[in-house]
């Protein structure tokens, strides 16, 4: 399970399981990646619930 994060300067992909971890990124400064990862961690359950609703089964 993963999530994509879009930013005007680039994008990132984070794995969600077994823990939130940066998979790839393009064009983002380290501090932007850290902020994005924190947002993913803060909203992890919401993201998982949305994933499961979108991809049932």
PDB file of N, CA and C in Angstrom:
ATOM      1  N   UNK A   1       0.852  -1.159   0.000  1.00  0.00           N
ATOM      2  CA  UNK A   1       0.000   0.000   0.000  1.00  0.00           C
ATOM      3  C   UNK A   1       0.909   1.237   0.000  1.00  0.00           C
ATOM      4  N   UNK A   2       0.533   2.229  -0.809  1.00  0.00           N
ATOM      5  CA  UNK A   2       1.358   3.423  -0.910  1.00  0.00           C
ATOM      6  C   UNK A   2       0.492   4.647  -1.175  1.00  0.00           C
ATOM      7  N   UNK A   3       1.102   5.808  -1.058  1.00  0.00           N
ATOM      8  CA  UNK A   3       0.418   7.058  -1.354  1.00  0.00           C
ATOM      9  C   UNK A   3       1.383   7.954  -2.124  1.00  0.00           C
ATOM     10  N   UNK A   4       0.831   8.692  -3.087  1.00  0.00           N
ATOM     11  CA  UNK A   4       1.611   9.668  -3.838  1.00  0.00           C
ATOM     12  C   UNK A   4       1.329  11.051  -3.274  1.00  0.00           C
ATOM     13  N   UNK A   5       2.357  11.855  -3.169  1.00  0.00           N
ATOM     14  CA  UNK A   5       2.241  13.223  -2.663  1.00  0.00           C
ATOM     15  C   UNK A   5       2.705  14.162  -3.766  1.00  0.00           C
ATOM     16  N   UNK A   6       1.855  15.102  -4.139  1.00  0.00           N
ATOM     17  CA  UNK A   6       2.194  16.080  -5.180  1.00  0.00           C
ATOM     18  C   UNK A   6       2.503  17.426  -4.542  1.00  0.00           C
ATOM     19  N   UNK A   7       3.470  18.125  -5.106  1.00  0.00           N
ATOM     20  CA  UNK A   7       3.919  19.436  -4.623  1.00  0.00           C
ATOM     21  C   UNK A   7       4.308  20.229  -5.868  1.00  0.00           C
ATOM     22  N   UNK A   8       4.184  21.555  -5.846  1.00  0.00           N
ATOM     23  CA  UNK A   8       4.572  22.334  -7.032  1.00  0.00           C
ATOM     24  C   UNK A   8       6.005  22.075  -7.508  1.00  0.00           C
ATOM     25  N   UNK A   9       6.891  21.702  -6.595  1.00  0.00           N
ATOM     26  CA  UNK A   9       8.289  21.472  -6.954  1.00  0.00           C
ATOM     27  C   UNK A   9       8.605  20.039  -7.367  1.00  0.00           C
ATOM     28  N   UNK A  10       7.676  19.114  -7.138  1.00  0.00           N
ATOM     29  CA  UNK A  10       7.952  17.720  -7.461  1.00  0.00           C
ATOM     30  C   UNK A  10       6.919  16.801  -6.850  1.00  0.00           C
ATOM     31  N   UNK A  11       7.316  15.561  -6.636  1.00  0.00           N
ATOM     32  CA  UNK A  11       6.395  14.580  -6.068  1.00  0.00           C
ATOM     33  C   UNK A  11       7.168  13.515  -5.309  1.00  0.00           C
ATOM     34  N   UNK A  12       6.417  12.765  -4.494  1.00  0.00           N
ATOM     35  CA  UNK A  12       7.013  11.685  -3.713  1.00  0.00           C
ATOM     36  C   UNK A  12       6.014  10.545  -3.606  1.00  0.00           C
ATOM     37  N   UNK A  13       6.543   9.373  -3.344  1.00  0.00           N
ATOM     38  CA  UNK A  13       5.730   8.185  -3.101  1.00  0.00           C
ATOM     39  C   UNK A  13       6.190   7.604  -1.771  1.00  0.00           C
ATOM     40  N   UNK A  14       5.233   7.301  -0.905  1.00  0.00           N
ATOM     41  CA  UNK A  14       5.542   6.724   0.400  1.00  0.00           C
ATOM     42  C   UNK A  14       4.870   5.370   0.529  1.00  0.00           C
ATOM     43  N   UNK A  15       5.636   4.374   0.961  1.00  0.00           N
ATOM     44  CA  UNK A  15       5.055   3.096   1.362  1.00  0.00           C
ATOM     45  C   UNK A  15       4.385   3.321   2.705  1.00  0.00           C
ATOM     46  N   UNK A  16       3.273   2.636   2.956  1.00  0.00           N
ATOM     47  CA  UNK A  16       2.543   2.796   4.208  1.00  0.00           C
ATOM     48  C   UNK A  16       2.726   1.625   5.155  1.00  0.00           C
ATOM     49  N   UNK A  17       3.151   0.492   4.622  1.00  0.00           N
ATOM     50  CA  UNK A  17       3.221  -0.719   5.426  1.00  0.00           C
ATOM     51  C   UNK A  17       4.530  -1.434   5.172  1.00  0.00           C
ATOM     52  N   UNK A  18       5.258  -1.847   6.138  1.00  0.00           N
ATOM     53  CA  UNK A  18       4.883  -1.952   7.548  1.00  0.00           C
ATOM     54  C   UNK A  18       4.983  -0.629   8.315  1.00  0.00           C
ATOM     55  N   UNK A  19       5.679   0.358   7.737  1.00  0.00           N
ATOM     56  CA  UNK A  19       5.725   1.695   8.340  1.00  0.00           C
ATOM     57  C   UNK A  19       5.845   2.705   7.208  1.00  0.00           C
ATOM     58  N   UNK A  20       5.532   3.954   7.517  1.00  0.00           N
ATOM     59  CA  UNK A  20       5.632   4.999   6.496  1.00  0.00           C
ATOM     60  C   UNK A  20       7.099   5.179   6.128  1.00  0.00           C
ATOM     61  N   UNK A  21       7.399   5.020   4.834  1.00  0.00           N
ATOM     62  CA  UNK A  21       8.779   5.091   4.351  1.00  0.00           C
ATOM     63  C   UNK A  21       8.790   5.682   2.939  1.00  0.00           C
ATOM     64  N   UNK A  22       9.712   6.591   2.694  1.00  0.00           N
ATOM     65  CA  UNK A  22       9.857   7.179   1.381  1.00  0.00           C
ATOM     66  C   UNK A  22      10.283   6.108   0.385  1.00  0.00           C
ATOM     67  N   UNK A  23       9.524   5.989  -0.714  1.00  0.00           N
ATOM     68  CA  UNK A  23       9.866   5.037  -1.773  1.00  0.00           C
ATOM     69  C   UNK A  23      10.649   5.745  -2.869  1.00  0.00           C
ATOM     70  N   UNK A  24      10.093   6.841  -3.381  1.00  0.00           N
ATOM     71  CA  UNK A  24      10.755   7.618  -4.424  1.00  0.00           C
ATOM     72  C   UNK A  24      10.381   9.085  -4.259  1.00  0.00           C
ATOM     73  N   UNK A  25      11.201   9.943  -4.854  1.00  0.00           N
ATOM     74  CA  UNK A  25      10.877  11.360  -4.871  1.00  0.00           C
ATOM     75  C   UNK A  25      11.594  11.996  -6.038  1.00  0.00           C
ATOM     76  N   UNK A  26      11.005  13.078  -6.534  1.00  0.00           N
ATOM     77  CA  UNK A  26      11.591  13.827  -7.635  1.00  0.00           C
ATOM     78  C   UNK A  26      11.431  15.310  -7.351  1.00  0.00           C
ATOM     79  N   UNK A  27      12.541  16.035  -7.289  1.00  0.00           N
ATOM     80  CA  UNK A  27      12.521  17.483  -7.226  1.00  0.00           C
ATOM     81  C   UNK A  27      12.209  18.121  -5.893  1.00  0.00           C
ATOM     82  N   UNK A  28      12.091  17.356  -4.838  1.00  0.00           N
ATOM     83  CA  UNK A  28      11.707  17.926  -3.548  1.00  0.00           C
ATOM     84  C   UNK A  28      12.901  18.107  -2.621  1.00  0.00           C
ATOM     85  N   UNK A  29      12.908  19.228  -1.918  1.00  0.00           N
ATOM     86  CA  UNK A  29      13.936  19.490  -0.905  1.00  0.00           C
ATOM     87  C   UNK A  29      13.682  18.586   0.301  1.00  0.00           C
ATOM     88  N   UNK A  30      14.734  18.298   1.034  1.00  0.00           N
ATOM     89  CA  UNK A  30      14.640  17.400   2.186  1.00  0.00           C
ATOM     90  C   UNK A  30      13.570  17.853   3.173  1.00  0.00           C
ATOM     91  N   UNK A  31      13.487  19.158   3.446  1.00  0.00           N
ATOM     92  CA  UNK A  31      12.502  19.627   4.428  1.00  0.00           C
ATOM     93  C   UNK A  31      11.069  19.425   3.921  1.00  0.00           C
ATOM     94  N   UNK A  32      10.852  19.485   2.621  1.00  0.00           N
ATOM     95  CA  UNK A  32       9.521  19.245   2.058  1.00  0.00           C
ATOM     96  C   UNK A  32       9.169  17.762   2.190  1.00  0.00           C
ATOM     97  N   UNK A  33      10.132  16.893   1.945  1.00  0.00           N
ATOM     98  CA  UNK A  33       9.910  15.456   2.107  1.00  0.00           C
ATOM     99  C   UNK A  33       9.561  15.135   3.557  1.00  0.00           C
ATOM    100  N   UNK A  34      10.279  15.742   4.486  1.00  0.00           N
ATOM    101  CA  UNK A  34      10.004  15.510   5.915  1.00  0.00           C
ATOM    102  C   UNK A  34       8.609  15.993   6.288  1.00  0.00           C
ATOM    103  N   UNK A  35       8.212  17.149   5.776  1.00  0.00           N
ATOM    104  CA  UNK A  35       6.868  17.665   6.050  1.00  0.00           C
ATOM    105  C   UNK A  35       5.806  16.741   5.459  1.00  0.00           C
ATOM    106  N   UNK A  36       6.036  16.269   4.248  1.00  0.00           N
ATOM    107  CA  UNK A  36       5.091  15.363   3.602  1.00  0.00           C
ATOM    108  C   UNK A  36       4.972  14.059   4.381  1.00  0.00           C
ATOM    109  N   UNK A  37       6.101  13.519   4.811  1.00  0.00           N
ATOM    110  CA  UNK A  37       6.068  12.271   5.570  1.00  0.00           C
ATOM    111  C   UNK A  37       5.308  12.462   6.880  1.00  0.00           C
ATOM    112  N   UNK A  38       5.498  13.592   7.530  1.00  0.00           N
ATOM    113  CA  UNK A  38       4.783  13.857   8.777  1.00  0.00           C
ATOM    114  C   UNK A  38       3.271  13.935   8.529  1.00  0.00           C
ATOM    115  N   UNK A  39       2.881  14.569   7.431  1.00  0.00           N
ATOM    116  CA  UNK A  39       1.453  14.640   7.095  1.00  0.00           C
ATOM    117  C   UNK A  39       0.879  13.248   6.834  1.00  0.00           C
ATOM    118  N   UNK A  40       1.630  12.426   6.112  1.00  0.00           N
ATOM    119  CA  UNK A  40       1.178  11.052   5.857  1.00  0.00           C
ATOM    120  C   UNK A  40       1.023  10.304   7.175  1.00  0.00           C
ATOM    121  N   UNK A  41       2.001  10.429   8.057  1.00  0.00           N
ATOM    122  CA  UNK A  41       1.927   9.751   9.352  1.00  0.00           C
ATOM    123  C   UNK A  41       0.758  10.268  10.187  1.00  0.00           C
ATOM    124  N   UNK A  42       0.523  11.574  10.160  1.00  0.00           N
ATOM    125  CA  UNK A  42      -0.575  12.169  10.932  1.00  0.00           C
ATOM    126  C   UNK A  42      -1.943  11.715  10.431  1.00  0.00           C
ATOM    127  N   UNK A  43      -2.042  11.397   9.150  1.00  0.00           N
ATOM    128  CA  UNK A  43      -3.323  11.027   8.549  1.00  0.00           C
ATOM    129  C   UNK A  43      -3.341   9.582   8.060  1.00  0.00           C
ATOM    130  N   UNK A  44      -2.467   8.768   8.613  1.00  0.00           N
ATOM    131  CA  UNK A  44      -2.288   7.398   8.138  1.00  0.00           C
ATOM    132  C   UNK A  44      -3.592   6.606   8.133  1.00  0.00           C
ATOM    133  N   UNK A  45      -4.352   6.654   9.212  1.00  0.00           N
ATOM    134  CA  UNK A  45      -5.575   5.855   9.262  1.00  0.00           C
ATOM    135  C   UNK A  45      -6.591   6.329   8.231  1.00  0.00           C
ATOM    136  N   UNK A  46      -6.696   7.625   8.022  1.00  0.00           N
ATOM    137  CA  UNK A  46      -7.592   8.154   6.995  1.00  0.00           C
ATOM    138  C   UNK A  46      -7.179   7.665   5.601  1.00  0.00           C
ATOM    139  N   UNK A  47      -5.880   7.658   5.355  1.00  0.00           N
ATOM    140  CA  UNK A  47      -5.364   7.207   4.062  1.00  0.00           C
ATOM    141  C   UNK A  47      -5.656   5.722   3.863  1.00  0.00           C
ATOM    142  N   UNK A  48      -5.419   4.928   4.884  1.00  0.00           N
ATOM    143  CA  UNK A  48      -5.686   3.484   4.804  1.00  0.00           C
ATOM    144  C   UNK A  48      -7.168   3.230   4.577  1.00  0.00           C
ATOM    145  N   UNK A  49      -8.021   3.959   5.286  1.00  0.00           N
ATOM    146  CA  UNK A  49      -9.463   3.783   5.113  1.00  0.00           C
ATOM    147  C   UNK A  49      -9.889   4.137   3.687  1.00  0.00           C
ATOM    148  N   UNK A  50      -9.351   5.225   3.142  1.00  0.00           N
ATOM    149  CA  UNK A  50      -9.669   5.637   1.776  1.00  0.00           C
ATOM    150  C   UNK A  50      -9.178   4.600   0.765  1.00  0.00           C
ATOM    151  N   UNK A  51      -7.969   4.065   0.983  1.00  0.00           N
ATOM    152  CA  UNK A  51      -7.423   3.024   0.105  1.00  0.00           C
ATOM    153  C   UNK A  51      -8.353   1.810   0.100  1.00  0.00           C
ATOM    154  N   UNK A  52      -8.750   1.368   1.304  1.00  0.00           N
ATOM    155  CA  UNK A  52      -9.592   0.185   1.405  1.00  0.00           C
ATOM    156  C   UNK A  52     -10.969   0.414   0.785  1.00  0.00           C
ATOM    157  N   UNK A  53     -11.488   1.624   0.856  1.00  0.00           N
ATOM    158  CA  UNK A  53     -12.767   1.932   0.219  1.00  0.00           C
ATOM    159  C   UNK A  53     -12.616   1.917  -1.295  1.00  0.00           C
ATOM    160  N   UNK A  54     -11.501   2.452  -1.788  1.00  0.00           N
ATOM    161  CA  UNK A  54     -11.268   2.527  -3.238  1.00  0.00           C
ATOM    162  C   UNK A  54     -10.913   1.163  -3.834  1.00  0.00           C
ATOM    163  N   UNK A  55     -10.188   0.355  -3.063  1.00  0.00           N
ATOM    164  CA  UNK A  55      -9.756  -0.974  -3.508  1.00  0.00           C
ATOM    165  C   UNK A  55     -10.317  -2.044  -2.548  1.00  0.00           C
ATOM    166  N   UNK A  56     -11.619  -2.298  -2.590  1.00  0.00           N
ATOM    167  CA  UNK A  56     -12.200  -3.272  -1.651  1.00  0.00           C
ATOM    168  C   UNK A  56     -11.679  -4.685  -1.911  1.00  0.00           C
ATOM    169  N   UNK A  57     -11.643  -5.435  -0.819  1.00  0.00           N
ATOM    170  CA  UNK A  57     -11.253  -6.839  -0.962  1.00  0.00           C
ATOM    171  C   UNK A  57      -9.872  -7.023  -0.568  1.00  0.00           C
TER     172      UNK A  57
END
